[in-house]
PDB file of N, CA and C in Angstrom:
ATOM      1  N   MET A   1       0.696  -1.314   0.027  1.00  0.00           N
ATOM      2  CA  MET A   1       0.012  -0.022  -0.038  1.00  0.00           C
ATOM      3  C   MET A   1       0.983   1.479   0.107  1.00  0.00           C
ATOM      4  N   THR A   2       0.479   2.227  -1.125  1.00  0.00           N
ATOM      5  CA  THR A   2       1.373   3.403  -1.032  1.00  0.00           C
ATOM      6  C   THR A   2       0.614   4.323  -0.164  1.00  0.00           C
ATOM      7  N   PRO A   3       1.428   5.292   0.467  1.00  0.00           N
ATOM      8  CA  PRO A   3       0.864   6.482   1.025  1.00  0.00           C
ATOM      9  C   PRO A   3       0.377   7.526   0.353  1.00  0.00           C
ATOM     10  N   ALA A   4      -0.596   8.096   0.924  1.00  0.00           N
ATOM     11  CA  ALA A   4      -1.419   9.266   0.443  1.00  0.00           C
ATOM     12  C   ALA A   4      -0.725  10.207  -0.073  1.00  0.00           C
ATOM     13  N   LYS A   5      -0.306  10.913  -1.200  1.00  0.00           N
ATOM     14  CA  LYS A   5       0.393  12.189  -1.441  1.00  0.00           C
ATOM     15  C   LYS A   5      -0.524  13.294  -0.517  1.00  0.00           C
ATOM     16  N   GLN A   6       0.231  13.975   0.152  1.00  0.00           N
ATOM     17  CA  GLN A   6      -0.313  14.928   0.876  1.00  0.00           C
ATOM     18  C   GLN A   6      -0.386  16.304  -0.145  1.00  0.00           C
ATOM     19  N   PRO A   7      -1.498  17.104  -0.491  1.00  0.00           N
ATOM     20  CA  PRO A   7      -1.761  18.096  -0.963  1.00  0.00           C
ATOM     21  C   PRO A   7      -0.756  19.154  -0.616  1.00  0.00           C
ATOM     22  N   THR A   8      -0.201  20.137  -1.774  1.00  0.00           N
ATOM     23  CA  THR A   8       0.550  21.142  -1.826  1.00  0.00           C
ATOM     24  C   THR A   8      -0.202  22.455  -1.653  1.00  0.00           C
ATOM     25  N   ASP A   9       0.349  23.401  -1.564  1.00  0.00           N
ATOM     26  CA  ASP A   9      -0.228  24.522  -1.262  1.00  0.00           C
ATOM     27  C   ASP A   9      -1.159  25.048  -2.665  1.00  0.00           C
ATOM     28  N   PHE A  10      -0.480  24.775  -3.437  1.00  0.00           N
ATOM     29  CA  PHE A  10      -0.517  24.750  -5.194  1.00  0.00           C
ATOM     30  C   PHE A  10      -1.783  24.122  -5.643  1.00  0.00           C
ATOM     31  N   ASP A  11      -1.947  22.635  -4.823  1.00  0.00           N
ATOM     32  CA  ASP A  11      -3.266  21.557  -5.036  1.00  0.00           C
ATOM     33  C   ASP A  11      -4.112  22.419  -4.491  1.00  0.00           C
ATOM     34  N   ARG A  12      -4.286  23.423  -3.091  1.00  0.00           N
ATOM     35  CA  ARG A  12      -4.995  23.913  -2.320  1.00  0.00           C
ATOM     36  C   ARG A  12      -5.827  24.812  -3.196  1.00  0.00           C
ATOM     37  N   LEU A  13      -4.660  25.602  -3.852  1.00  0.00           N
ATOM     38  CA  LEU A  13      -5.229  26.858  -4.398  1.00  0.00           C
ATOM     39  C   LEU A  13      -6.153  26.409  -5.793  1.00  0.00           C
ATOM     40  N   LEU A  14      -6.022  25.515  -6.263  1.00  0.00           N
ATOM     41  CA  LEU A  14      -6.172  25.134  -7.807  1.00  0.00           C
ATOM     42  C   LEU A  14      -7.988  24.422  -7.270  1.00  0.00           C
ATOM     43  N   SER A  15      -7.870  23.917  -6.214  1.00  0.00           N
ATOM     44  CA  SER A  15      -9.363  23.416  -5.703  1.00  0.00           C
ATOM     45  C   SER A  15     -10.308  24.110  -5.151  1.00  0.00           C
ATOM     46  N   ALA A  16      -9.510  25.629  -4.531  1.00  0.00           N
ATOM     47  CA  ALA A  16     -10.409  26.627  -4.117  1.00  0.00           C
ATOM     48  C   ALA A  16     -11.569  27.030  -4.930  1.00  0.00           C
ATOM     49  N   GLU A  17     -12.456  27.590  -4.169  1.00  0.00           N
ATOM     50  CA  GLU A  17     -13.581  28.164  -4.626  1.00  0.00           C
ATOM     51  C   GLU A  17     -13.127  29.581  -4.960  1.00  0.00           C
ATOM     52  N   PRO A  18     -13.209  30.027  -5.816  1.00  0.00           N
ATOM     53  CA  PRO A  18     -12.741  31.626  -6.461  1.00  0.00           C
ATOM     54  C   PRO A  18     -12.984  32.530  -5.549  1.00  0.00           C
ATOM     55  N   ASP A  19     -11.919  33.389  -5.412  1.00  0.00           N
ATOM     56  CA  ASP A  19     -12.097  34.424  -4.679  1.00  0.00           C
ATOM     57  C   ASP A  19     -12.658  35.839  -5.149  1.00  0.00           C
ATOM     58  N   LEU A  20     -12.389  36.820  -4.456  1.00  0.00           N
ATOM     59  CA  LEU A  20     -12.851  38.008  -5.105  1.00  0.00           C
ATOM     60  C   LEU A  20     -11.822  38.548  -6.043  1.00  0.00           C
ATOM     61  N   VAL A  21     -10.769  38.034  -6.238  1.00  0.00           N
ATOM     62  CA  VAL A  21      -9.761  38.520  -7.216  1.00  0.00           C
ATOM     63  C   VAL A  21      -9.627  37.578  -8.703  1.00  0.00           C
ATOM     64  N   ASP A  22     -10.385  36.527  -8.267  1.00  0.00           N
ATOM     65  CA  ASP A  22     -10.580  35.625  -9.186  1.00  0.00           C
ATOM     66  C   ASP A  22     -11.600  36.295 -10.277  1.00  0.00           C
ATOM     67  N   ARG A  23     -12.861  36.525  -9.111  1.00  0.00           N
ATOM     68  CA  ARG A  23     -14.404  37.177  -9.934  1.00  0.00           C
ATOM     69  C   ARG A  23     -14.111  38.280 -10.746  1.00  0.00           C
ATOM     70  N   LEU A  24     -13.325  39.186 -10.155  1.00  0.00           N
ATOM     71  CA  LEU A  24     -12.876  40.439 -10.630  1.00  0.00           C
ATOM     72  C   LEU A  24     -12.398  40.345 -11.912  1.00  0.00           C
ATOM     73  N   PHE A  25     -10.918  39.147 -11.951  1.00  0.00           N
ATOM     74  CA  PHE A  25     -10.285  39.090 -13.185  1.00  0.00           C
ATOM     75  C   PHE A  25     -11.654  38.288 -14.084  1.00  0.00           C
ATOM     76  N   ASP A  26     -12.143  37.410 -13.600  1.00  0.00           N
ATOM     77  CA  ASP A  26     -13.236  37.057 -14.787  1.00  0.00           C
ATOM     78  C   ASP A  26     -14.208  38.125 -15.342  1.00  0.00           C
ATOM     79  N   TYR A  27     -14.666  39.446 -14.620  1.00  0.00           N
ATOM     80  CA  TYR A  27     -15.335  40.495 -15.308  1.00  0.00           C
ATOM     81  C   TYR A  27     -14.459  41.025 -15.845  1.00  0.00           C
ATOM     82  N   ILE A  28     -13.025  41.471 -15.824  1.00  0.00           N
ATOM     83  CA  ILE A  28     -12.162  42.185 -16.540  1.00  0.00           C
ATOM     84  C   ILE A  28     -11.921  41.199 -17.870  1.00  0.00           C
ATOM     85  N   LEU A  29     -11.726  40.082 -17.481  1.00  0.00           N
ATOM     86  CA  LEU A  29     -10.901  39.584 -19.003  1.00  0.00           C
ATOM     87  C   LEU A  29     -12.150  39.129 -19.710  1.00  0.00           C
ATOM     88  N   SER A  30     -13.792  39.274 -19.223  1.00  0.00           N
ATOM     89  CA  SER A  30     -14.849  39.150 -20.399  1.00  0.00           C
ATOM     90  C   SER A  30     -15.131  40.300 -21.415  1.00  0.00           C
ATOM     91  N   ASP A  31     -14.254  41.019 -21.527  1.00  0.00           N
ATOM     92  CA  ASP A  31     -14.190  41.997 -22.301  1.00  0.00           C
ATOM     93  C   ASP A  31     -13.131  41.677 -23.059  1.00  0.00           C
ATOM     94  N   PRO A  32     -13.442  41.726 -24.384  1.00  0.00           N
ATOM     95  CA  PRO A  32     -12.007  41.573 -25.093  1.00  0.00           C
ATOM     96  C   PRO A  32     -10.728  42.621 -25.428  1.00  0.00           C
ATOM     97  N   ALA A  33     -11.284  43.473 -25.426  1.00  0.00           N
ATOM     98  CA  ALA A  33     -10.214  44.376 -25.667  1.00  0.00           C
ATOM     99  C   ALA A  33      -9.534  44.920 -24.295  1.00  0.00           C
ATOM    100  N   LEU A  34     -10.246  44.538 -23.095  1.00  0.00           N
ATOM    101  CA  LEU A  34      -9.179  44.625 -21.993  1.00  0.00           C
ATOM    102  C   LEU A  34      -8.278  43.174 -21.922  1.00  0.00           C
ATOM    103  N   ALA A  35      -8.924  41.976 -22.403  1.00  0.00           N
ATOM    104  CA  ALA A  35      -8.119  40.334 -22.209  1.00  0.00           C
ATOM    105  C   ALA A  35      -6.990  40.808 -22.925  1.00  0.00           C
ATOM    106  N   LEU A  36      -7.140  41.455 -24.178  1.00  0.00           N
ATOM    107  CA  LEU A  36      -6.439  41.537 -25.472  1.00  0.00           C
ATOM    108  C   LEU A  36      -4.945  42.369 -25.101  1.00  0.00           C
ATOM    109  N   ALA A  37      -5.331  43.424 -24.128  1.00  0.00           N
ATOM    110  CA  ALA A  37      -4.467  44.651 -23.491  1.00  0.00           C
ATOM    111  C   ALA A  37      -3.594  43.917 -22.207  1.00  0.00           C
ATOM    112  N   ILE A  38      -4.219  42.970 -21.213  1.00  0.00           N
ATOM    113  CA  ILE A  38      -3.634  42.507 -20.751  1.00  0.00           C
ATOM    114  C   ILE A  38      -2.843  41.186 -20.712  1.00  0.00           C
ATOM    115  N   LYS A  39      -2.916  40.594 -22.049  1.00  0.00           N
ATOM    116  CA  LYS A  39      -2.384  39.233 -22.529  1.00  0.00           C
ATOM    117  C   LYS A  39      -1.266  39.909 -23.272  1.00  0.00           C
ATOM    118  N   GLN A  40      -1.479  41.183 -23.468  1.00  0.00           N
ATOM    119  CA  GLN A  40      -0.297  41.711 -24.435  1.00  0.00           C
ATOM    120  C   GLN A  40       0.981  42.254 -23.613  1.00  0.00           C
ATOM    121  N   LEU A  41       0.577  42.186 -21.989  1.00  0.00           N
ATOM    122  CA  LEU A  41       1.624  43.005 -21.641  1.00  0.00           C
ATOM    123  C   LEU A  41       2.849  42.296 -21.191  1.00  0.00           C
ATOM    124  N   PRO A  42       4.119  43.051 -21.717  1.00  0.00           N
ATOM    125  CA  PRO A  42       5.612  42.513 -21.665  1.00  0.00           C
ATOM    126  C   PRO A  42       5.623  41.817 -20.080  1.00  0.00           C
ATOM    127  N   SER A  43       6.109  40.247 -20.459  1.00  0.00           N
ATOM    128  CA  SER A  43       6.196  39.722 -19.049  1.00  0.00           C
ATOM    129  C   SER A  43       7.490  38.791 -19.210  1.00  0.00           C
ATOM    130  N   GLY A  44       7.900  38.516 -18.197  1.00  0.00           N
ATOM    131  CA  GLY A  44       9.145  37.228 -18.185  1.00  0.00           C
ATOM    132  C   GLY A  44       8.637  35.851 -18.153  1.00  0.00           C
ATOM    133  N   ALA A  45       7.713  36.091 -17.727  1.00  0.00           N
ATOM    134  CA  ALA A  45       6.507  34.578 -17.198  1.00  0.00           C
ATOM    135  C   ALA A  45       5.451  34.415 -18.317  1.00  0.00           C
ATOM    136  N   ALA A  46       5.146  32.795 -18.116  1.00  0.00           N
ATOM    137  CA  ALA A  46       4.689  32.708 -19.191  1.00  0.00           C
ATOM    138  C   ALA A  46       2.692  33.309 -19.029  1.00  0.00           C
ATOM    139  N   ASP A  47       2.529  33.425 -17.858  1.00  0.00           N
ATOM    140  CA  ASP A  47       1.325  33.972 -16.837  1.00  0.00           C
ATOM    141  C   ASP A  47       1.152  35.499 -16.887  1.00  0.00           C
ATOM    142  N   PRO A  48       0.737  36.375 -17.413  1.00  0.00           N
ATOM    143  CA  PRO A  48       0.838  37.563 -17.092  1.00  0.00           C
ATOM    144  C   PRO A  48      -0.277  37.606 -15.740  1.00  0.00           C
ATOM    145  N   ILE A  49      -1.145  36.947 -16.239  1.00  0.00           N
ATOM    146  CA  ILE A  49      -2.470  37.282 -15.419  1.00  0.00           C
ATOM    147  C   ILE A  49      -2.149  36.567 -14.182  1.00  0.00           C
ATOM    148  N   GLY A  50      -1.645  35.354 -13.950  1.00  0.00           N
ATOM    149  CA  GLY A  50      -1.587  35.139 -12.616  1.00  0.00           C
ATOM    150  C   GLY A  50      -0.721  35.774 -11.544  1.00  0.00           C
ATOM    151  N   ARG A  51       0.501  36.472 -12.402  1.00  0.00           N
ATOM    152  CA  ARG A  51       1.168  37.382 -11.952  1.00  0.00           C
ATOM    153  C   ARG A  51       0.684  38.421 -11.455  1.00  0.00           C
ATOM    154  N   ILE A  52      -0.410  39.282 -12.245  1.00  0.00           N
ATOM    155  CA  ILE A  52      -1.215  40.397 -11.332  1.00  0.00           C
ATOM    156  C   ILE A  52      -1.952  39.887 -10.301  1.00  0.00           C
ATOM    157  N   LYS A  53      -2.747  38.594 -10.417  1.00  0.00           N
ATOM    158  CA  LYS A  53      -3.336  38.415  -9.632  1.00  0.00           C
ATOM    159  C   LYS A  53      -2.698  38.278  -7.874  1.00  0.00           C
ATOM    160  N   THR A  54      -1.537  37.429  -8.187  1.00  0.00           N
ATOM    161  CA  THR A  54      -0.659  37.133  -7.071  1.00  0.00           C
ATOM    162  C   THR A  54      -0.279  38.595  -6.700  1.00  0.00           C
ATOM    163  N   ALA A  55      -0.067  39.500  -7.357  1.00  0.00           N
ATOM    164  CA  ALA A  55       0.570  40.841  -6.798  1.00  0.00           C
ATOM    165  C   ALA A  55      -0.928  41.769  -6.152  1.00  0.00           C
ATOM    166  N   VAL A  56      -1.684  41.573  -6.738  1.00  0.00           N
ATOM    167  CA  VAL A  56      -3.213  42.099  -6.008  1.00  0.00           C
ATOM    168  C   VAL A  56      -3.557  41.479  -4.878  1.00  0.00           C
ATOM    169  N   ARG A  57      -3.630  40.075  -4.593  1.00  0.00           N
ATOM    170  CA  ARG A  57      -3.727  39.645  -3.520  1.00  0.00           C
ATOM    171  C   ARG A  57      -2.860  39.993  -2.328  1.00  0.00           C
ATOM    172  N   ALA A  58      -1.352  39.934  -2.583  1.00  0.00           N
ATOM    173  CA  ALA A  58      -0.442  40.305  -1.975  1.00  0.00           C
ATOM    174  C   ALA A  58      -0.597  41.636  -1.262  1.00  0.00           C
ATOM    175  N   GLU A  59      -0.973  42.799  -1.947  1.00  0.00           N
ATOM    176  CA  GLU A  59      -1.170  44.257  -2.098  1.00  0.00           C
ATOM    177  C   GLU A  59      -2.508  44.499  -0.630  1.00  0.00           C
ATOM    178  N   PHE A  60      -3.397  43.594  -1.369  1.00  0.00           N
ATOM    179  CA  PHE A  60      -4.774  43.536  -0.205  1.00  0.00           C
ATOM    180  C   PHE A  60      -4.903  42.346   0.457  1.00  0.00           C
ATOM    181  N   ALA A  61      -4.041  41.782   0.692  1.00  0.00           N
ATOM    182  CA  ALA A  61      -4.201  40.440   1.884  1.00  0.00           C
ATOM    183  C   ALA A  61      -4.676  41.132   3.162  1.00  0.00           C
ATOM    184  N   GLY A  62      -5.841  40.541   3.800  1.00  0.00           N
ATOM    185  CA  GLY A  62      -6.013  40.846   5.313  1.00  0.00           C
ATOM    186  C   GLY A  62      -7.085  42.182   5.046  1.00  0.00           C
ATOM    187  N   GLU A  63      -7.038  42.936   4.177  1.00  0.00           N
ATOM    188  CA  GLU A  63      -8.071  43.934   4.399  1.00  0.00           C
ATOM    189  C   GLU A  63      -9.432  43.438   4.238  1.00  0.00           C
ATOM    190  N   GLU A  64     -10.466  44.556   4.287  1.00  0.00           N
ATOM    191  CA  GLU A  64     -11.680  44.046   4.355  1.00  0.00           C
ATOM    192  C   GLU A  64     -12.369  45.537   3.744  1.00  0.00           C
ATOM    193  N   CYS A  65     -13.182  45.155   3.118  1.00  0.00           N
ATOM    194  CA  CYS A  65     -13.656  46.242   2.234  1.00  0.00           C
ATOM    195  C   CYS A  65     -15.381  45.893   2.190  1.00  0.00           C
ATOM    196  N   TYR A  66     -16.023  47.159   2.158  1.00  0.00           N
ATOM    197  CA  TYR A  66     -17.571  47.197   2.037  1.00  0.00           C
ATOM    198  C   TYR A  66     -17.567  47.520   0.473  1.00  0.00           C
ATOM    199  N   ILE A  67     -18.716  46.946  -0.251  1.00  0.00           N
ATOM    200  CA  ILE A  67     -19.135  47.157  -1.594  1.00  0.00           C
ATOM    201  C   ILE A  67     -20.419  47.504  -1.728  1.00  0.00           C
ATOM    202  N   ALA A  68     -20.451  48.772  -1.621  1.00  0.00           N
ATOM    203  CA  ALA A  68     -22.266  48.827  -1.798  1.00  0.00           C
ATOM    204  C   ALA A  68     -23.066  48.144  -2.916  1.00  0.00           C
ATOM    205  N   GLY A  69     -24.125  48.297  -2.663  1.00  0.00           N
ATOM    206  CA  GLY A  69     -25.188  48.045  -3.703  1.00  0.00           C
ATOM    207  C   GLY A  69     -25.174  48.954  -4.980  1.00  0.00           C
ATOM    208  N   ARG A  70     -26.144  48.442  -5.866  1.00  0.00           N
ATOM    209  CA  ARG A  70     -26.474  49.266  -7.120  1.00  0.00           C
ATOM    210  C   ARG A  70     -27.024  50.567  -6.615  1.00  0.00           C
ATOM    211  N   ARG A  71     -26.775  51.739  -6.905  1.00  0.00           N
ATOM    212  CA  ARG A  71     -28.170  52.787  -6.343  1.00  0.00           C
ATOM    213  C   ARG A  71     -28.744  53.343  -7.457  1.00  0.00           C
ATOM    214  N   VAL A  72     -30.140  53.151  -7.005  1.00  0.00           N
ATOM    215  CA  VAL A  72     -31.170  53.718  -7.481  1.00  0.00           C
ATOM    216  C   VAL A  72     -30.738  55.522  -7.947  1.00  0.00           C
ATOM    217  N   GLN A  73     -30.977  55.488  -9.185  1.00  0.00           N
ATOM    218  CA  GLN A  73     -30.954  56.740  -9.837  1.00  0.00           C
ATOM    219  C   GLN A  73     -32.280  57.241  -9.766  1.00  0.00           C
ATOM    220  N   SER A  74     -32.422  58.840  -9.903  1.00  0.00           N
ATOM    221  CA  SER A  74     -33.526  59.488 -10.114  1.00  0.00           C
ATOM    222  C   SER A  74     -34.033  59.129 -11.210  1.00  0.00           C
ATOM    223  N   ALA A  75     -33.522  58.940 -12.345  1.00  0.00           N
ATOM    224  CA  ALA A  75     -33.828  58.632 -13.763  1.00  0.00           C
ATOM    225  C   ALA A  75     -34.695  57.232 -13.674  1.00  0.00           C
ATOM    226  N   ASP A  76     -33.943  56.043 -12.973  1.00  0.00           N
ATOM    227  CA  ASP A  76     -34.699  55.176 -12.876  1.00  0.00           C
ATOM    228  C   ASP A  76     -36.263  55.293 -12.467  1.00  0.00           C
ATOM    229  N   VAL A  77     -36.213  55.810 -11.173  1.00  0.00           N
ATOM    230  CA  VAL A  77     -37.561  56.157 -10.415  1.00  0.00           C
ATOM    231  C   VAL A  77     -38.465  56.718 -11.023  1.00  0.00           C
ATOM    232  N   LEU A  78     -38.174  57.779 -12.172  1.00  0.00           N
ATOM    233  CA  LEU A  78     -38.961  58.578 -12.876  1.00  0.00           C
ATOM    234  C   LEU A  78     -39.353  58.090 -14.196  1.00  0.00           C
ATOM    235  N   ALA A  79     -38.665  57.234 -14.932  1.00  0.00           N
ATOM    236  CA  ALA A  79     -38.761  56.359 -16.131  1.00  0.00           C
ATOM    237  C   ALA A  79     -40.089  55.589 -15.401  1.00  0.00           C
ATOM    238  N   LEU A  80     -40.202  55.005 -14.643  1.00  0.00           N
ATOM    239  CA  LEU A  80     -41.075  54.004 -13.833  1.00  0.00           C
ATOM    240  C   LEU A  80     -42.639  54.618 -13.448  1.00  0.00           C
ATOM    241  N   PHE A  81     -42.146  55.613 -12.946  1.00  0.00           N
ATOM    242  CA  PHE A  81     -43.489  56.278 -11.800  1.00  0.00           C
ATOM    243  C   PHE A  81     -44.355  56.957 -13.147  1.00  0.00           C
ATOM    244  N   ASN A  82     -45.485  56.645 -12.947  1.00  0.00           N
ATOM    245  CA  ASN A  82     -46.370  57.186 -13.594  1.00  0.00           C
ATOM    246  C   ASN A  82     -47.316  58.376 -12.766  1.00  0.00           C
ATOM    247  N   GLY A  83     -47.036  58.716 -11.356  1.00  0.00           N
ATOM    248  CA  GLY A  83     -48.356  59.491 -10.623  1.00  0.00           C
ATOM    249  C   GLY A  83     -48.412  58.401  -9.579  1.00  0.00           C
ATOM    250  N   ARG A  84     -49.064  57.642 -10.254  1.00  0.00           N
ATOM    251  CA  ARG A  84     -49.905  56.997  -8.785  1.00  0.00           C
ATOM    252  C   ARG A  84     -49.244  55.056  -8.288  1.00  0.00           C
ATOM    253  N   ASN A  85     -48.054  55.074  -8.957  1.00  0.00           N
ATOM    254  CA  ASN A  85     -47.612  53.727  -8.733  1.00  0.00           C
ATOM    255  C   ASN A  85     -46.518  53.347  -8.042  1.00  0.00           C
ATOM    256  N   ALA A  86     -46.420  54.335  -7.005  1.00  0.00           N
ATOM    257  CA  ALA A  86     -45.237  54.234  -6.133  1.00  0.00           C
ATOM    258  C   ALA A  86     -44.654  52.863  -5.550  1.00  0.00           C
ATOM    259  N   THR A  87     -45.538  52.235  -4.901  1.00  0.00           N
ATOM    260  CA  THR A  87     -45.630  50.894  -4.533  1.00  0.00           C
ATOM    261  C   THR A  87     -44.868  50.100  -5.316  1.00  0.00           C
ATOM    262  N   GLU A  88     -45.463  49.914  -6.600  1.00  0.00           N
ATOM    263  CA  GLU A  88     -44.887  49.146  -7.978  1.00  0.00           C
ATOM    264  C   GLU A  88     -43.654  49.557  -7.930  1.00  0.00           C
ATOM    265  N   VAL A  89     -42.992  50.811  -8.235  1.00  0.00           N
ATOM    266  CA  VAL A  89     -41.892  51.206  -8.437  1.00  0.00           C
ATOM    267  C   VAL A  89     -40.641  50.548  -7.385  1.00  0.00           C
ATOM    268  N   ALA A  90     -41.296  51.010  -6.356  1.00  0.00           N
ATOM    269  CA  ALA A  90     -40.240  50.578  -4.818  1.00  0.00           C
ATOM    270  C   ALA A  90     -40.296  48.943  -5.126  1.00  0.00           C
ATOM    271  N   ARG A  91     -41.466  48.272  -5.338  1.00  0.00           N
ATOM    272  CA  ARG A  91     -41.276  46.937  -5.405  1.00  0.00           C
ATOM    273  C   ARG A  91     -40.157  46.658  -6.388  1.00  0.00           C
ATOM    274  N   ARG A  92     -40.282  47.154  -7.541  1.00  0.00           N
ATOM    275  CA  ARG A  92     -39.074  46.341  -8.786  1.00  0.00           C
ATOM    276  C   ARG A  92     -37.774  47.186  -8.510  1.00  0.00           C
ATOM    277  N   LEU A  93     -37.511  48.132  -7.952  1.00  0.00           N
ATOM    278  CA  LEU A  93     -36.515  48.465  -7.947  1.00  0.00           C
ATOM    279  C   LEU A  93     -35.607  48.537  -6.263  1.00  0.00           C
ATOM    280  N   ASN A  94     -36.529  47.623  -5.742  1.00  0.00           N
ATOM    281  CA  ASN A  94     -36.320  46.877  -4.701  1.00  0.00           C
ATOM    282  C   ASN A  94     -35.824  48.138  -3.603  1.00  0.00           C
ATOM    283  N   ILE A  95     -36.724  49.409  -3.676  1.00  0.00           N
ATOM    284  CA  ILE A  95     -36.259  50.343  -3.071  1.00  0.00           C
ATOM    285  C   ILE A  95     -37.785  50.711  -1.849  1.00  0.00           C
ATOM    286  N   SER A  96     -37.638  51.700  -0.717  1.00  0.00           N
ATOM    287  CA  SER A  96     -39.037  51.752   0.139  1.00  0.00           C
ATOM    288  C   SER A  96     -39.924  53.037  -0.896  1.00  0.00           C
ATOM    289  N   ARG A  97     -41.122  53.124  -0.309  1.00  0.00           N
ATOM    290  CA  ARG A  97     -42.133  53.753  -1.070  1.00  0.00           C
ATOM    291  C   ARG A  97     -41.390  55.529  -0.771  1.00  0.00           C
ATOM    292  N   ALA A  98     -40.980  55.682   0.743  1.00  0.00           N
ATOM    293  CA  ALA A  98     -40.526  56.802   0.868  1.00  0.00           C
ATOM    294  C   ALA A  98     -39.092  57.219  -0.085  1.00  0.00           C
ATOM    295  N   THR A  99     -38.313  56.338  -0.338  1.00  0.00           N
ATOM    296  CA  THR A  99     -37.025  56.520  -1.269  1.00  0.00           C
ATOM    297  C   THR A  99     -37.753  57.053  -2.880  1.00  0.00           C
ATOM    298  N   VAL A 100     -38.952  56.518  -3.306  1.00  0.00           N
ATOM    299  CA  VAL A 100     -39.257  56.456  -4.460  1.00  0.00           C
ATOM    300  C   VAL A 100     -39.890  58.163  -4.663  1.00  0.00           C
ATOM    301  N   TYR A 101     -40.583  58.721  -3.432  1.00  0.00           N
ATOM    302  CA  TYR A 101     -40.901  59.907  -3.217  1.00  0.00           C
ATOM    303  C   TYR A 101     -39.928  61.025  -3.383  1.00  0.00           C
ATOM    304  N   ARG A 102     -38.874  60.741  -2.533  1.00  0.00           N
ATOM    305  CA  ARG A 102     -37.671  61.640  -2.131  1.00  0.00           C
ATOM    306  C   ARG A 102     -36.926  61.728  -3.605  1.00  0.00           C
ATOM    307  N   HIS A 103     -36.989  60.375  -4.549  1.00  0.00           N
ATOM    308  CA  HIS A 103     -36.176  60.866  -5.859  1.00  0.00           C
ATOM    309  C   HIS A 103     -37.255  61.648  -6.708  1.00  0.00           C
ATOM    310  N   ILE A 104     -38.694  61.435  -6.194  1.00  0.00           N
ATOM    311  CA  ILE A 104     -39.509  62.322  -7.468  1.00  0.00           C
ATOM    312  C   ILE A 104     -39.636  64.090  -6.762  1.00  0.00           C
ATOM    313  N   LYS A 105     -39.793  64.080  -5.668  1.00  0.00           N
ATOM    314  CA  LYS A 105     -39.426  65.445  -5.208  1.00  0.00           C
ATOM    315  C   LYS A 105     -38.073  66.098  -4.717  1.00  0.00           C
ATOM    316  N   GLN A 106     -37.225  65.725  -5.574  1.00  0.00           N
ATOM    317  CA  GLN A 106     -36.110  66.497  -5.361  1.00  0.00           C
ATOM    318  C   GLN A 106     -36.025  67.772  -5.657  1.00  0.00           C
ATOM    319  N   PRO A 107     -35.505  68.643  -4.896  1.00  0.00           N
ATOM    320  CA  PRO A 107     -34.872  70.378  -5.081  1.00  0.00           C
ATOM    321  C   PRO A 107     -34.929  70.666  -6.824  1.00  0.00           C
ATOM    322  N   GLY A 108     -35.354  71.183  -7.782  1.00  0.00           N
ATOM    323  CA  GLY A 108     -34.834  71.461  -9.226  1.00  0.00           C
ATOM    324  C   GLY A 108     -35.337  70.820 -10.187  1.00  0.00           C
ATOM    325  N   LYS A 109     -36.318  69.835  -9.832  1.00  0.00           N
ATOM    326  CA  LYS A 109     -37.064  69.053 -10.653  1.00  0.00           C
ATOM    327  C   LYS A 109     -38.444  69.682 -11.041  1.00  0.00           C
ATOM    328  N   PRO A 110     -38.558  69.785 -12.070  1.00  0.00           N
ATOM    329  CA  PRO A 110     -39.999  70.529 -12.264  1.00  0.00           C
ATOM    330  C   PRO A 110     -41.053  69.559 -11.718  1.00  0.00           C
ATOM    331  N   ALA A 111     -42.194  70.426 -11.164  1.00  0.00           N
ATOM    332  CA  ALA A 111     -43.141  69.640 -10.272  1.00  0.00           C
ATOM    333  C   ALA A 111     -43.622  68.759 -10.579  1.00  0.00           C
ATOM    334  N   GLY A 112     -44.220  68.529 -12.191  1.00  0.00           N
ATOM    335  CA  GLY A 112     -44.721  67.485 -12.941  1.00  0.00           C
ATOM    336  C   GLY A 112     -44.103  66.400 -13.351  1.00  0.00           C
ATOM    337  N   LEU A 113     -42.764  66.138 -13.079  1.00  0.00           N
ATOM    338  CA  LEU A 113     -41.980  65.699 -13.834  1.00  0.00           C
ATOM    339  C   LEU A 113     -42.272  64.178 -13.375  1.00  0.00           C
ATOM    340  N   GLY A 114     -42.199  63.465 -14.386  1.00  0.00           N
ATOM    341  CA  GLY A 114     -42.748  61.852 -14.006  1.00  0.00           C
ATOM    342  C   GLY A 114     -44.548  61.831 -14.235  1.00  0.00           C
ATOM    343  N   LYS A 115     -44.862  62.328 -14.391  1.00  0.00           N
ATOM    344  CA  LYS A 115     -46.557  62.538 -14.455  1.00  0.00           C
ATOM    345  C   LYS A 115     -46.642  62.535 -15.848  1.00  0.00           C
ATOM    346  N   LYS A 116     -47.889  61.882 -16.357  1.00  0.00           N
ATOM    347  CA  LYS A 116     -48.395  61.720 -17.564  1.00  0.00           C
ATOM    348  C   LYS A 116     -49.374  62.838 -17.474  1.00  0.00           C
ATOM    349  N   PRO A 117     -49.461  63.665 -18.743  1.00  0.00           N
ATOM    350  CA  PRO A 117     -50.120  64.804 -18.918  1.00  0.00           C
ATOM    351  C   PRO A 117     -52.011  64.316 -18.852  1.00  0.00           C
ATOM    352  N   SER A 118     -52.656  64.954 -18.192  1.00  0.00           N
ATOM    353  CA  SER A 118     -54.024  64.551 -18.137  1.00  0.00           C
ATOM    354  C   SER A 118     -54.630  64.586 -19.653  1.00  0.00           C
ATOM    355  N   GLN A 119     -55.461  63.596 -20.086  1.00  0.00           N
ATOM    356  CA  GLN A 119     -55.796  63.399 -21.390  1.00  0.00           C
ATOM    357  C   GLN A 119     -57.106  64.561 -21.585  1.00  0.00           C
ATOM    358  N   PHE A 120     -57.554  65.437 -20.380  1.00  0.00           N
ATOM    359  CA  PHE A 120     -59.075  66.218 -20.633  1.00  0.00           C
ATOM    360  C   PHE A 120     -58.433  67.385 -20.796  1.00  0.00           C
ATOM    361  N   SER A 121     -57.337  68.091 -19.733  1.00  0.00           N
ATOM    362  CA  SER A 121     -56.365  69.226 -19.821  1.00  0.00           C
ATOM    363  C   SER A 121     -55.235  69.785 -20.589  1.00  0.00           C
ATOM    364  N   GLY A 122     -54.774  68.513 -20.625  1.00  0.00           N
ATOM    365  CA  GLY A 122     -53.365  68.423 -21.436  1.00  0.00           C
ATOM    366  C   GLY A 122     -52.165  69.242 -20.429  1.00  0.00           C
ATOM    367  N   LYS A 123     -52.746  69.367 -19.004  1.00  0.00           N
ATOM    368  CA  LYS A 123     -51.670  69.772 -18.213  1.00  0.00           C
ATOM    369  C   LYS A 123     -51.179  68.740 -17.442  1.00  0.00           C
TER     370      LYS A 123
END
C-alpha cells in the first residue's frame, strides 16, 4: 500500500473556491479589448494574469472592504413612475416608497416630472 500524497499549497489553491480577485479578473477578462491588452503586457513569465492576481492578493491581503449595492438613480424612478404607482416602483427597484417619493420631489426637478399629462386638460 502506498502512502497518500499530501496536497501542496498549489493543489489547495487550484481546488479552492474562486475568491474576489478571481471574480474580478473573470469580469475584466470578459471584455475582449481588456483581455487582449492584459495578455499583451510584457512579461518574463508565461502567465501575466496569474502574476497580476498574485500581486493584487499580496497588496490587499487581510483587508476588509465594503462594496455598496447598486444605487438607484432618479432617472430610474422617474422612468417607471406614472403618478400613481409608487408602491410598484418601489417593489421593482427594491427600495422603499419613501425613497421613491424622495427621488420624485428632489429640488430642481419640475413639479410635474414623471407624471403623464391629463388627457382632458393637457396639463
